[in-house]
Amino acid sequence: MAAPAPLRDRVYLLVSRIPPGSVATYGQLAELAGYPRRARFVGQALAAAPRSLGLPWHRVINAQGRISPRRGEGRRRDAESLQQRLLEAEGVPFVGGRVDLARHRWQPVVDAAWARAVAREAR
């Protein structure tokens, strides 16, 4: 099943707001988008995102602080390597293949006004 359009649009908006030097997890983005426990949909939405959006896709990692494996043998390693290089260039180090989420996880200030703005912009 593909990610629902409202989730997809909210994910794109949220990913565009992750600042350099920070990361978000798939589950975190699903929760912020109003779709708790739909982390896989977030991954599907990102995989389907048009490059023309210019999303900082590399700032999204899994709940263990790791880069998620990708499908396809040749492309997988290249994409994972690129993602790690892009994050490291932004000052996000990997120790033992992981990002320290306590230090680098994006912590948006989520209040009622922010939630309304996200919902409005995703329409």
PDB file of N, CA and C in Angstrom:
ATOM      1  N   MET A   1       0.841  -1.181   0.000  1.00  0.00           N
ATOM      2  CA  MET A   1       0.000   0.000   0.000  1.00  0.00           C
ATOM      3  C   MET A   1       0.888   1.246   0.000  1.00  0.00           C
ATOM      4  N   ALA A   2       0.592   2.200  -0.843  1.00  0.00           N
ATOM      5  CA  ALA A   2       1.368   3.435  -0.936  1.00  0.00           C
ATOM      6  C   ALA A   2       0.965   4.390   0.176  1.00  0.00           C
ATOM      7  N   ALA A   3       1.845   5.325   0.446  1.00  0.00           N
ATOM      8  CA  ALA A   3       1.563   6.332   1.468  1.00  0.00           C
ATOM      9  C   ALA A   3       0.391   7.201   1.021  1.00  0.00           C
ATOM     10  N   PRO A   4      -0.569   7.478   1.920  1.00  0.00           N
ATOM     11  CA  PRO A   4      -1.693   8.349   1.559  1.00  0.00           C
ATOM     12  C   PRO A   4      -1.194   9.753   1.205  1.00  0.00           C
ATOM     13  N   ALA A   5      -1.860  10.416   0.278  1.00  0.00           N
ATOM     14  CA  ALA A   5      -1.435  11.744  -0.187  1.00  0.00           C
ATOM     15  C   ALA A   5      -1.267  12.750   0.954  1.00  0.00           C
ATOM     16  N   PRO A   6      -2.202  12.842   1.923  1.00  0.00           N
ATOM     17  CA  PRO A   6      -1.995  13.814   3.002  1.00  0.00           C
ATOM     18  C   PRO A   6      -0.713  13.536   3.803  1.00  0.00           C
ATOM     19  N   LEU A   7      -0.425  12.267   4.056  1.00  0.00           N
ATOM     20  CA  LEU A   7       0.803  11.922   4.769  1.00  0.00           C
ATOM     21  C   LEU A   7       2.009  12.291   3.922  1.00  0.00           C
ATOM     22  N   ARG A   8       1.968  11.932   2.658  1.00  0.00           N
ATOM     23  CA  ARG A   8       3.081  12.229   1.754  1.00  0.00           C
ATOM     24  C   ARG A   8       3.386  13.723   1.750  1.00  0.00           C
ATOM     25  N   ASP A   9       2.360  14.539   1.600  1.00  0.00           N
ATOM     26  CA  ASP A   9       2.560  15.985   1.544  1.00  0.00           C
ATOM     27  C   ASP A   9       3.116  16.532   2.858  1.00  0.00           C
ATOM     28  N   ARG A  10       2.629  16.025   3.958  1.00  0.00           N
ATOM     29  CA  ARG A  10       3.130  16.473   5.266  1.00  0.00           C
ATOM     30  C   ARG A  10       4.572  16.019   5.479  1.00  0.00           C
ATOM     31  N   VAL A  11       4.886  14.819   5.041  1.00  0.00           N
ATOM     32  CA  VAL A  11       6.258  14.324   5.164  1.00  0.00           C
ATOM     33  C   VAL A  11       7.201  15.225   4.379  1.00  0.00           C
ATOM     34  N   TYR A  12       6.832  15.577   3.165  1.00  0.00           N
ATOM     35  CA  TYR A  12       7.687  16.441   2.357  1.00  0.00           C
ATOM     36  C   TYR A  12       7.902  17.780   3.056  1.00  0.00           C
ATOM     37  N   LEU A  13       6.841  18.321   3.605  1.00  0.00           N
ATOM     38  CA  LEU A  13       6.959  19.593   4.319  1.00  0.00           C
ATOM     39  C   LEU A  13       7.865  19.459   5.532  1.00  0.00           C
ATOM     40  N   LEU A  14       7.660  18.417   6.315  1.00  0.00           N
ATOM     41  CA  LEU A  14       8.465  18.223   7.518  1.00  0.00           C
ATOM     42  C   LEU A  14       9.935  18.006   7.179  1.00  0.00           C
ATOM     43  N   VAL A  15      10.210  17.166   6.197  1.00  0.00           N
ATOM     44  CA  VAL A  15      11.596  16.897   5.823  1.00  0.00           C
ATOM     45  C   VAL A  15      12.271  18.188   5.363  1.00  0.00           C
ATOM     46  N   SER A  16      11.537  19.033   4.674  1.00  0.00           N
ATOM     47  CA  SER A  16      12.121  20.296   4.205  1.00  0.00           C
ATOM     48  C   SER A  16      12.514  21.205   5.369  1.00  0.00           C
ATOM     49  N   ARG A  17      11.950  20.970   6.536  1.00  0.00           N
ATOM     50  CA  ARG A  17      12.227  21.808   7.716  1.00  0.00           C
ATOM     51  C   ARG A  17      13.355  21.267   8.610  1.00  0.00           C
ATOM     52  N   ILE A  18      13.843  20.075   8.358  1.00  0.00           N
ATOM     53  CA  ILE A  18      14.921  19.529   9.191  1.00  0.00           C
ATOM     54  C   ILE A  18      16.188  20.332   8.903  1.00  0.00           C
ATOM     55  N   PRO A  19      16.749  20.973   9.914  1.00  0.00           N
ATOM     56  CA  PRO A  19      17.921  21.825   9.661  1.00  0.00           C
ATOM     57  C   PRO A  19      19.201  21.017   9.457  1.00  0.00           C
ATOM     58  N   PRO A  20      20.172  21.611   8.761  1.00  0.00           N
ATOM     59  CA  PRO A  20      21.474  20.949   8.611  1.00  0.00           C
ATOM     60  C   PRO A  20      22.057  20.607   9.983  1.00  0.00           C
ATOM     61  N   GLY A  21      22.691  19.453  10.066  1.00  0.00           N
ATOM     62  CA  GLY A  21      23.291  19.018  11.325  1.00  0.00           C
ATOM     63  C   GLY A  21      22.337  18.270  12.230  1.00  0.00           C
ATOM     64  N   SER A  22      21.108  18.090  11.766  1.00  0.00           N
ATOM     65  CA  SER A  22      20.097  17.370  12.535  1.00  0.00           C
ATOM     66  C   SER A  22      19.549  16.230  11.699  1.00  0.00           C
ATOM     67  N   VAL A  23      18.970  15.250  12.385  1.00  0.00           N
ATOM     68  CA  VAL A  23      18.312  14.126  11.721  1.00  0.00           C
ATOM     69  C   VAL A  23      16.944  13.916  12.353  1.00  0.00           C
ATOM     70  N   ALA A  24      16.085  13.240  11.623  1.00  0.00           N
ATOM     71  CA  ALA A  24      14.787  12.823  12.149  1.00  0.00           C
ATOM     72  C   ALA A  24      14.628  11.355  11.795  1.00  0.00           C
ATOM     73  N   THR A  25      13.832  10.664  12.568  1.00  0.00           N
ATOM     74  CA  THR A  25      13.574   9.255  12.263  1.00  0.00           C
ATOM     75  C   THR A  25      12.268   9.146  11.487  1.00  0.00           C
ATOM     76  N   TYR A  26      12.120   8.029  10.798  1.00  0.00           N
ATOM     77  CA  TYR A  26      10.895   7.777  10.044  1.00  0.00           C
ATOM     78  C   TYR A  26       9.682   7.832  10.971  1.00  0.00           C
ATOM     79  N   GLY A  27       9.793   7.187  12.117  1.00  0.00           N
ATOM     80  CA  GLY A  27       8.691   7.174  13.071  1.00  0.00           C
ATOM     81  C   GLY A  27       8.375   8.549  13.631  1.00  0.00           C
ATOM     82  N   GLN A  28       9.402   9.328  13.890  1.00  0.00           N
ATOM     83  CA  GLN A  28       9.222  10.684  14.386  1.00  0.00           C
ATOM     84  C   GLN A  28       8.433  11.516  13.371  1.00  0.00           C
ATOM     85  N   LEU A  29       8.796  11.398  12.092  1.00  0.00           N
ATOM     86  CA  LEU A  29       8.104  12.151  11.054  1.00  0.00           C
ATOM     87  C   LEU A  29       6.655  11.693  10.912  1.00  0.00           C
ATOM     88  N   ALA A  30       6.422  10.392  11.023  1.00  0.00           N
ATOM     89  CA  ALA A  30       5.049   9.885  10.951  1.00  0.00           C
ATOM     90  C   ALA A  30       4.212  10.475  12.085  1.00  0.00           C
ATOM     91  N   GLU A  31       4.770  10.494  13.270  1.00  0.00           N
ATOM     92  CA  GLU A  31       4.075  11.057  14.437  1.00  0.00           C
ATOM     93  C   GLU A  31       3.784  12.543  14.221  1.00  0.00           C
ATOM     94  N   LEU A  32       4.795  13.302  13.794  1.00  0.00           N
ATOM     95  CA  LEU A  32       4.611  14.741  13.570  1.00  0.00           C
ATOM     96  C   LEU A  32       3.589  15.023  12.468  1.00  0.00           C
ATOM     97  N   ALA A  33       3.517  14.131  11.493  1.00  0.00           N
ATOM     98  CA  ALA A  33       2.575  14.308  10.384  1.00  0.00           C
ATOM     99  C   ALA A  33       1.156  13.906  10.760  1.00  0.00           C
ATOM    100  N   GLY A  34       0.991  13.353  11.962  1.00  0.00           N
ATOM    101  CA  GLY A  34      -0.342  12.951  12.399  1.00  0.00           C
ATOM    102  C   GLY A  34      -0.708  11.526  12.043  1.00  0.00           C
ATOM    103  N   TYR A  35       0.313  10.710  11.709  1.00  0.00           N
ATOM    104  CA  TYR A  35       0.099   9.312  11.359  1.00  0.00           C
ATOM    105  C   TYR A  35       1.007   8.424  12.217  1.00  0.00           C
ATOM    106  N   PRO A  36       0.760   8.361  13.520  1.00  0.00           N
ATOM    107  CA  PRO A  36       1.633   7.553  14.374  1.00  0.00           C
ATOM    108  C   PRO A  36       1.684   6.102  13.916  1.00  0.00           C
ATOM    109  N   ARG A  37       2.822   5.491  14.112  1.00  0.00           N
ATOM    110  CA  ARG A  37       3.055   4.082  13.783  1.00  0.00           C
ATOM    111  C   ARG A  37       2.993   3.810  12.274  1.00  0.00           C
ATOM    112  N   ARG A  38       3.292   4.811  11.477  1.00  0.00           N
ATOM    113  CA  ARG A  38       3.293   4.647  10.020  1.00  0.00           C
ATOM    114  C   ARG A  38       4.667   4.992   9.442  1.00  0.00           C
ATOM    115  N   ALA A  39       5.714   4.583  10.116  1.00  0.00           N
ATOM    116  CA  ALA A  39       7.074   4.884   9.682  1.00  0.00           C
ATOM    117  C   ALA A  39       7.354   4.364   8.274  1.00  0.00           C
ATOM    118  N   ARG A  40       6.823   3.198   7.948  1.00  0.00           N
ATOM    119  CA  ARG A  40       7.069   2.645   6.603  1.00  0.00           C
ATOM    120  C   ARG A  40       6.451   3.513   5.515  1.00  0.00           C
ATOM    121  N   PHE A  41       5.308   4.111   5.808  1.00  0.00           N
ATOM    122  CA  PHE A  41       4.711   5.027   4.842  1.00  0.00           C
ATOM    123  C   PHE A  41       5.632   6.225   4.604  1.00  0.00           C
ATOM    124  N   VAL A  42       6.293   6.684   5.663  1.00  0.00           N
ATOM    125  CA  VAL A  42       7.234   7.799   5.507  1.00  0.00           C
ATOM    126  C   VAL A  42       8.355   7.386   4.557  1.00  0.00           C
ATOM    127  N   GLY A  43       8.873   6.194   4.734  1.00  0.00           N
ATOM    128  CA  GLY A  43       9.919   5.703   3.836  1.00  0.00           C
ATOM    129  C   GLY A  43       9.435   5.605   2.403  1.00  0.00           C
ATOM    130  N   GLN A  44       8.216   5.139   2.217  1.00  0.00           N
ATOM    131  CA  GLN A  44       7.652   5.047   0.866  1.00  0.00           C
ATOM    132  C   GLN A  44       7.477   6.428   0.251  1.00  0.00           C
ATOM    133  N   ALA A  45       7.024   7.371   1.057  1.00  0.00           N
ATOM    134  CA  ALA A  45       6.838   8.740   0.552  1.00  0.00           C
ATOM    135  C   ALA A  45       8.174   9.331   0.117  1.00  0.00           C
ATOM    136  N   LEU A  46       9.205   9.123   0.918  1.00  0.00           N
ATOM    137  CA  LEU A  46      10.518   9.659   0.555  1.00  0.00           C
ATOM    138  C   LEU A  46      11.085   8.980  -0.682  1.00  0.00           C
ATOM    139  N   ALA A  47      10.873   7.678  -0.789  1.00  0.00           N
ATOM    140  CA  ALA A  47      11.366   6.956  -1.963  1.00  0.00           C
ATOM    141  C   ALA A  47      10.688   7.449  -3.239  1.00  0.00           C
ATOM    142  N   ALA A  48       9.447   7.911  -3.126  1.00  0.00           N
ATOM    143  CA  ALA A  48       8.694   8.382  -4.285  1.00  0.00           C
ATOM    144  C   ALA A  48       8.836   9.886  -4.524  1.00  0.00           C
ATOM    145  N   ALA A  49       9.559  10.587  -3.655  1.00  0.00           N
ATOM    146  CA  ALA A  49       9.659  12.044  -3.763  1.00  0.00           C
ATOM    147  C   ALA A  49      10.399  12.453  -5.046  1.00  0.00           C
ATOM    148  N   PRO A  50       9.817  13.363  -5.788  1.00  0.00           N
ATOM    149  CA  PRO A  50      10.507  13.856  -6.973  1.00  0.00           C
ATOM    150  C   PRO A  50      11.787  14.604  -6.579  1.00  0.00           C
ATOM    151  N   ARG A  51      12.849  14.364  -7.311  1.00  0.00           N
ATOM    152  CA  ARG A  51      14.112  15.067  -7.024  1.00  0.00           C
ATOM    153  C   ARG A  51      13.951  16.570  -7.122  1.00  0.00           C
ATOM    154  N   SER A  52      13.018  16.997  -7.956  1.00  0.00           N
ATOM    155  CA  SER A  52      12.814  18.433  -8.168  1.00  0.00           C
ATOM    156  C   SER A  52      12.411  19.163  -6.883  1.00  0.00           C
ATOM    157  N   LEU A  53      11.918  18.425  -5.888  1.00  0.00           N
ATOM    158  CA  LEU A  53      11.560  19.053  -4.607  1.00  0.00           C
ATOM    159  C   LEU A  53      12.795  19.485  -3.827  1.00  0.00           C
ATOM    160  N   GLY A  54      13.919  18.856  -4.096  1.00  0.00           N
ATOM    161  CA  GLY A  54      15.152  19.213  -3.397  1.00  0.00           C
ATOM    162  C   GLY A  54      15.116  18.922  -1.909  1.00  0.00           C
ATOM    163  N   LEU A  55      14.410  17.879  -1.516  1.00  0.00           N
ATOM    164  CA  LEU A  55      14.296  17.544  -0.089  1.00  0.00           C
ATOM    165  C   LEU A  55      15.626  17.047   0.468  1.00  0.00           C
ATOM    166  N   PRO A  56      15.938  17.422   1.704  1.00  0.00           N
ATOM    167  CA  PRO A  56      17.137  16.897   2.351  1.00  0.00           C
ATOM    168  C   PRO A  56      16.875  15.489   2.900  1.00  0.00           C
ATOM    169  N   TRP A  57      16.580  14.551   2.013  1.00  0.00           N
ATOM    170  CA  TRP A  57      16.229  13.172   2.340  1.00  0.00           C
ATOM    171  C   TRP A  57      17.275  12.501   3.214  1.00  0.00           C
ATOM    172  N   HIS A  58      18.526  12.933   3.068  1.00  0.00           N
ATOM    173  CA  HIS A  58      19.622  12.299   3.799  1.00  0.00           C
ATOM    174  C   HIS A  58      19.532  12.522   5.303  1.00  0.00           C
ATOM    175  N   ARG A  59      18.689  13.431   5.743  1.00  0.00           N
ATOM    176  CA  ARG A  59      18.546  13.723   7.174  1.00  0.00           C
ATOM    177  C   ARG A  59      17.540  12.813   7.865  1.00  0.00           C
ATOM    178  N   VAL A  60      17.016  11.822   7.157  1.00  0.00           N
ATOM    179  CA  VAL A  60      16.037  10.893   7.731  1.00  0.00           C
ATOM    180  C   VAL A  60      16.699   9.526   7.879  1.00  0.00           C
ATOM    181  N   ILE A  61      16.698   9.031   9.116  1.00  0.00           N
ATOM    182  CA  ILE A  61      17.337   7.754   9.435  1.00  0.00           C
ATOM    183  C   ILE A  61      16.371   6.900  10.263  1.00  0.00           C
ATOM    184  N   ASN A  62      16.790   5.693  10.594  1.00  0.00           N
ATOM    185  CA  ASN A  62      15.879   4.823  11.348  1.00  0.00           C
ATOM    186  C   ASN A  62      15.983   5.068  12.853  1.00  0.00           C
ATOM    187  N   ALA A  63      15.122   4.422  13.599  1.00  0.00           N
ATOM    188  CA  ALA A  63      15.008   4.642  15.045  1.00  0.00           C
ATOM    189  C   ALA A  63      16.237   4.203  15.825  1.00  0.00           C
ATOM    190  N   GLN A  64      17.102   3.394  15.213  1.00  0.00           N
ATOM    191  CA  GLN A  64      18.338   2.969  15.869  1.00  0.00           C
ATOM    192  C   GLN A  64      19.483   3.943  15.583  1.00  0.00           C
ATOM    193  N   GLY A  65      19.202   4.999  14.827  1.00  0.00           N
ATOM    194  CA  GLY A  65      20.243   5.967  14.480  1.00  0.00           C
ATOM    195  C   GLY A  65      21.081   5.530  13.296  1.00  0.00           C
ATOM    196  N   ARG A  66      20.592   4.559  12.559  1.00  0.00           N
ATOM    197  CA  ARG A  66      21.320   4.026  11.408  1.00  0.00           C
ATOM    198  C   ARG A  66      20.658   4.432  10.101  1.00  0.00           C
ATOM    199  N   ILE A  67      21.435   4.342   9.050  1.00  0.00           N
ATOM    200  CA  ILE A  67      20.903   4.529   7.709  1.00  0.00           C
ATOM    201  C   ILE A  67      20.152   3.253   7.352  1.00  0.00           C
ATOM    202  N   SER A  68      18.953   3.407   6.867  1.00  0.00           N
ATOM    203  CA  SER A  68      18.148   2.230   6.504  1.00  0.00           C
ATOM    204  C   SER A  68      18.636   1.646   5.194  1.00  0.00           C
ATOM    205  N   PRO A  69      18.698   0.320   5.133  1.00  0.00           N
ATOM    206  CA  PRO A  69      19.097  -0.333   3.878  1.00  0.00           C
ATOM    207  C   PRO A  69      18.099  -0.022   2.771  1.00  0.00           C
ATOM    208  N   ARG A  70      18.593   0.019   1.566  1.00  0.00           N
ATOM    209  CA  ARG A  70      17.743   0.276   0.408  1.00  0.00           C
ATOM    210  C   ARG A  70      17.667  -0.942  -0.482  1.00  0.00           C
ATOM    211  N   ARG A  71      16.644  -0.986  -1.283  1.00  0.00           N
ATOM    212  CA  ARG A  71      16.484  -2.089  -2.235  1.00  0.00           C
ATOM    213  C   ARG A  71      17.417  -1.888  -3.415  1.00  0.00           C
ATOM    214  N   GLY A  72      17.810  -2.987  -4.018  1.00  0.00           N
ATOM    215  CA  GLY A  72      18.648  -2.921  -5.213  1.00  0.00           C
ATOM    216  C   GLY A  72      20.116  -2.970  -4.849  1.00  0.00           C
ATOM    217  N   GLU A  73      20.802  -3.966  -5.262  1.00  0.00           N
ATOM    218  CA  GLU A  73      22.188  -4.190  -4.845  1.00  0.00           C
ATOM    219  C   GLU A  73      23.125  -3.020  -5.114  1.00  0.00           C
ATOM    220  N   GLY A  74      23.300  -2.657  -6.387  1.00  0.00           N
ATOM    221  CA  GLY A  74      24.275  -1.629  -6.720  1.00  0.00           C
ATOM    222  C   GLY A  74      23.924  -0.260  -6.174  1.00  0.00           C
ATOM    223  N   ARG A  75      22.676   0.130  -6.328  1.00  0.00           N
ATOM    224  CA  ARG A  75      22.240   1.448  -5.901  1.00  0.00           C
ATOM    225  C   ARG A  75      22.217   1.579  -4.388  1.00  0.00           C
ATOM    226  N   ARG A  76      21.974   0.483  -3.706  1.00  0.00           N
ATOM    227  CA  ARG A  76      21.823   0.524  -2.254  1.00  0.00           C
ATOM    228  C   ARG A  76      23.081   1.035  -1.574  1.00  0.00           C
ATOM    229  N   ARG A  77      24.197   0.416  -1.870  1.00  0.00           N
ATOM    230  CA  ARG A  77      25.442   0.814  -1.195  1.00  0.00           C
ATOM    231  C   ARG A  77      25.832   2.236  -1.539  1.00  0.00           C
ATOM    232  N   ASP A  78      25.646   2.611  -2.802  1.00  0.00           N
ATOM    233  CA  ASP A  78      25.978   3.978  -3.212  1.00  0.00           C
ATOM    234  C   ASP A  78      25.126   4.998  -2.474  1.00  0.00           C
ATOM    235  N   ALA A  79      23.817   4.746  -2.370  1.00  0.00           N
ATOM    236  CA  ALA A  79      22.914   5.671  -1.687  1.00  0.00           C
ATOM    237  C   ALA A  79      23.231   5.745  -0.198  1.00  0.00           C
ATOM    238  N   GLU A  80      23.512   4.613   0.425  1.00  0.00           N
ATOM    239  CA  GLU A  80      23.835   4.607   1.851  1.00  0.00           C
ATOM    240  C   GLU A  80      25.133   5.356   2.100  1.00  0.00           C
ATOM    241  N   SER A  81      26.108   5.134   1.247  1.00  0.00           N
ATOM    242  CA  SER A  81      27.386   5.815   1.381  1.00  0.00           C
ATOM    243  C   SER A  81      27.204   7.316   1.183  1.00  0.00           C
ATOM    244  N   LEU A  82      26.412   7.701   0.175  1.00  0.00           N
ATOM    245  CA  LEU A  82      26.142   9.114  -0.076  1.00  0.00           C
ATOM    246  C   LEU A  82      25.434   9.741   1.116  1.00  0.00           C
ATOM    247  N   GLN A  83      24.454   9.052   1.669  1.00  0.00           N
ATOM    248  CA  GLN A  83      23.722   9.585   2.815  1.00  0.00           C
ATOM    249  C   GLN A  83      24.664   9.836   3.984  1.00  0.00           C
ATOM    250  N   GLN A  84      25.532   8.897   4.274  1.00  0.00           N
ATOM    251  CA  GLN A  84      26.467   9.085   5.373  1.00  0.00           C
ATOM    252  C   GLN A  84      27.415  10.243   5.091  1.00  0.00           C
ATOM    253  N   ARG A  85      27.928  10.337   3.877  1.00  0.00           N
ATOM    254  CA  ARG A  85      28.844  11.441   3.528  1.00  0.00           C
ATOM    255  C   ARG A  85      28.148  12.794   3.657  1.00  0.00           C
ATOM    256  N   LEU A  86      26.902  12.881   3.210  1.00  0.00           N
ATOM    257  CA  LEU A  86      26.170  14.143   3.306  1.00  0.00           C
ATOM    258  C   LEU A  86      25.947  14.546   4.764  1.00  0.00           C
ATOM    259  N   LEU A  87      25.589  13.583   5.593  1.00  0.00           N
ATOM    260  CA  LEU A  87      25.389  13.888   7.012  1.00  0.00           C
ATOM    261  C   LEU A  87      26.696  14.292   7.683  1.00  0.00           C
ATOM    262  N   GLU A  88      27.754  13.578   7.394  1.00  0.00           N
ATOM    263  CA  GLU A  88      29.049  13.917   7.994  1.00  0.00           C
ATOM    264  C   GLU A  88      29.509  15.302   7.551  1.00  0.00           C
ATOM    265  N   ALA A  89      29.214  15.678   6.315  1.00  0.00           N
ATOM    266  CA  ALA A  89      29.573  17.012   5.824  1.00  0.00           C
ATOM    267  C   ALA A  89      28.814  18.108   6.574  1.00  0.00           C
ATOM    268  N   GLU A  90      27.666  17.757   7.145  1.00  0.00           N
ATOM    269  CA  GLU A  90      26.875  18.699   7.937  1.00  0.00           C
ATOM    270  C   GLU A  90      27.239  18.647   9.415  1.00  0.00           C
ATOM    271  N   GLY A  91      28.240  17.841   9.761  1.00  0.00           N
ATOM    272  CA  GLY A  91      28.673  17.763  11.148  1.00  0.00           C
ATOM    273  C   GLY A  91      27.987  16.695  11.967  1.00  0.00           C
ATOM    274  N   VAL A  92      27.351  15.733  11.316  1.00  0.00           N
ATOM    275  CA  VAL A  92      26.684  14.630  12.021  1.00  0.00           C
ATOM    276  C   VAL A  92      27.602  13.415  11.948  1.00  0.00           C
ATOM    277  N   PRO A  93      28.292  13.093  13.049  1.00  0.00           N
ATOM    278  CA  PRO A  93      29.218  11.957  13.013  1.00  0.00           C
ATOM    279  C   PRO A  93      28.513  10.615  13.203  1.00  0.00           C
ATOM    280  N   PHE A  94      29.163   9.593  12.699  1.00  0.00           N
ATOM    281  CA  PHE A  94      28.704   8.217  12.883  1.00  0.00           C
ATOM    282  C   PHE A  94      29.725   7.519  13.765  1.00  0.00           C
ATOM    283  N   VAL A  95      29.257   6.887  14.818  1.00  0.00           N
ATOM    284  CA  VAL A  95      30.113   6.092  15.692  1.00  0.00           C
ATOM    285  C   VAL A  95      29.542   4.688  15.688  1.00  0.00           C
ATOM    286  N   GLY A  96      30.323   3.734  15.214  1.00  0.00           N
ATOM    287  CA  GLY A  96      29.829   2.366  15.105  1.00  0.00           C
ATOM    288  C   GLY A  96      28.657   2.244  14.157  1.00  0.00           C
ATOM    289  N   GLY A  97      28.624   3.094  13.125  1.00  0.00           N
ATOM    290  CA  GLY A  97      27.549   3.044  12.145  1.00  0.00           C
ATOM    291  C   GLY A  97      26.263   3.719  12.581  1.00  0.00           C
ATOM    292  N   ARG A  98      26.314   4.453  13.691  1.00  0.00           N
ATOM    293  CA  ARG A  98      25.108   5.098  14.227  1.00  0.00           C
ATOM    294  C   ARG A  98      25.324   6.583  14.477  1.00  0.00           C
ATOM    295  N   VAL A  99      24.212   7.296  14.408  1.00  0.00           N
ATOM    296  CA  VAL A  99      24.176   8.701  14.787  1.00  0.00           C
ATOM    297  C   VAL A  99      23.674   8.759  16.231  1.00  0.00           C
ATOM    298  N   ASP A 100      24.251   9.631  17.033  1.00  0.00           N
ATOM    299  CA  ASP A 100      23.792   9.822  18.407  1.00  0.00           C
ATOM    300  C   ASP A 100      22.493  10.628  18.358  1.00  0.00           C
ATOM    301  N   LEU A 101      21.366   9.937  18.475  1.00  0.00           N
ATOM    302  CA  LEU A 101      20.073  10.605  18.375  1.00  0.00           C
ATOM    303  C   LEU A 101      19.832  11.579  19.531  1.00  0.00           C
ATOM    304  N   ALA A 102      20.384  11.294  20.675  1.00  0.00           N
ATOM    305  CA  ALA A 102      20.212  12.205  21.806  1.00  0.00           C
ATOM    306  C   ALA A 102      20.833  13.567  21.492  1.00  0.00           C
ATOM    307  N   ARG A 103      21.830  13.556  20.662  1.00  0.00           N
ATOM    308  CA  ARG A 103      22.543  14.801  20.338  1.00  0.00           C
ATOM    309  C   ARG A 103      22.071  15.445  19.033  1.00  0.00           C
ATOM    310  N   HIS A 104      21.722  14.626  18.044  1.00  0.00           N
ATOM    311  CA  HIS A 104      21.463  15.164  16.710  1.00  0.00           C
ATOM    312  C   HIS A 104      20.015  15.068  16.238  1.00  0.00           C
ATOM    313  N   ARG A 105      19.126  14.495  17.053  1.00  0.00           N
ATOM    314  CA  ARG A 105      17.725  14.395  16.626  1.00  0.00           C
ATOM    315  C   ARG A 105      17.091  15.780  16.589  1.00  0.00           C
ATOM    316  N   TRP A 106      16.393  16.040  15.509  1.00  0.00           N
ATOM    317  CA  TRP A 106      15.665  17.295  15.338  1.00  0.00           C
ATOM    318  C   TRP A 106      14.572  17.372  16.388  1.00  0.00           C
ATOM    319  N   GLN A 107      14.514  18.481  17.081  1.00  0.00           N
ATOM    320  CA  GLN A 107      13.505  18.683  18.124  1.00  0.00           C
ATOM    321  C   GLN A 107      12.703  19.939  17.807  1.00  0.00           C
ATOM    322  N   PRO A 108      11.736  19.838  16.882  1.00  0.00           N
ATOM    323  CA  PRO A 108      10.949  21.032  16.572  1.00  0.00           C
ATOM    324  C   PRO A 108      10.078  21.405  17.757  1.00  0.00           C
ATOM    325  N   VAL A 109       9.842  22.693  17.892  1.00  0.00           N
ATOM    326  CA  VAL A 109       8.928  23.157  18.925  1.00  0.00           C
ATOM    327  C   VAL A 109       7.524  22.947  18.372  1.00  0.00           C
ATOM    328  N   VAL A 110       6.864  21.945  18.915  1.00  0.00           N
ATOM    329  CA  VAL A 110       5.534  21.593  18.416  1.00  0.00           C
ATOM    330  C   VAL A 110       4.495  22.126  19.387  1.00  0.00           C
ATOM    331  N   ASP A 111       3.808  23.137  18.932  1.00  0.00           N
ATOM    332  CA  ASP A 111       2.697  23.663  19.707  1.00  0.00           C
ATOM    333  C   ASP A 111       1.487  23.723  18.781  1.00  0.00           C
ATOM    334  N   ALA A 112       0.404  24.192  19.273  1.00  0.00           N
ATOM    335  CA  ALA A 112      -0.829  24.195  18.475  1.00  0.00           C
ATOM    336  C   ALA A 112      -0.670  25.020  17.201  1.00  0.00           C
ATOM    337  N   ALA A 113       0.000  26.158  17.294  1.00  0.00           N
ATOM    338  CA  ALA A 113       0.180  27.011  16.116  1.00  0.00           C
ATOM    339  C   ALA A 113       1.042  26.307  15.068  1.00  0.00           C
ATOM    340  N   TRP A 114       2.068  25.618  15.508  1.00  0.00           N
ATOM    341  CA  TRP A 114       2.948  24.899  14.575  1.00  0.00           C
ATOM    342  C   TRP A 114       2.168  23.781  13.886  1.00  0.00           C
ATOM    343  N   ALA A 115       1.398  23.040  14.642  1.00  0.00           N
ATOM    344  CA  ALA A 115       0.612  21.942  14.077  1.00  0.00           C
ATOM    345  C   ALA A 115      -0.389  22.466  13.046  1.00  0.00           C
ATOM    346  N   ARG A 116      -1.022  23.600  13.341  1.00  0.00           N
ATOM    347  CA  ARG A 116      -1.966  24.191  12.374  1.00  0.00           C
ATOM    348  C   ARG A 116      -1.237  24.631  11.113  1.00  0.00           C
ATOM    349  N   ALA A 117      -0.054  25.206  11.273  1.00  0.00           N
ATOM    350  CA  ALA A 117       0.720  25.655  10.111  1.00  0.00           C
ATOM    351  C   ALA A 117       1.126  24.486   9.230  1.00  0.00           C
ATOM    352  N   VAL A 118       1.553  23.386   9.842  1.00  0.00           N
ATOM    353  CA  VAL A 118       1.932  22.203   9.070  1.00  0.00           C
ATOM    354  C   VAL A 118       0.721  21.671   8.313  1.00  0.00           C
ATOM    355  N   ALA A 119      -0.409  21.583   8.983  1.00  0.00           N
ATOM    356  CA  ALA A 119      -1.626  21.084   8.338  1.00  0.00           C
ATOM    357  C   ALA A 119      -2.047  21.999   7.196  1.00  0.00           C
ATOM    358  N   ARG A 120      -1.959  23.304   7.409  1.00  0.00           N
ATOM    359  CA  ARG A 120      -2.361  24.264   6.385  1.00  0.00           C
ATOM    360  C   ARG A 120      -1.423  24.208   5.181  1.00  0.00           C
ATOM    361  N   GLU A 121      -0.112  24.148   5.422  1.00  0.00           N
ATOM    362  CA  GLU A 121       0.858  24.149   4.334  1.00  0.00           C
ATOM    363  C   GLU A 121       0.825  22.845   3.531  1.00  0.00           C
ATOM    364  N   ALA A 122       0.381  21.763   4.146  1.00  0.00           N
ATOM    365  CA  ALA A 122       0.335  20.481   3.464  1.00  0.00           C
ATOM    366  C   ALA A 122      -0.882  20.347   2.551  1.00  0.00           C
ATOM    367  N   ARG A 123      -1.790  21.276   2.627  1.00  0.00           N
ATOM    368  CA  ARG A 123      -3.005  21.198   1.788  1.00  0.00           C
ATOM    369  C   ARG A 123      -2.726  21.542   0.363  1.00  0.00           C
TER     370      ARG A 123
END
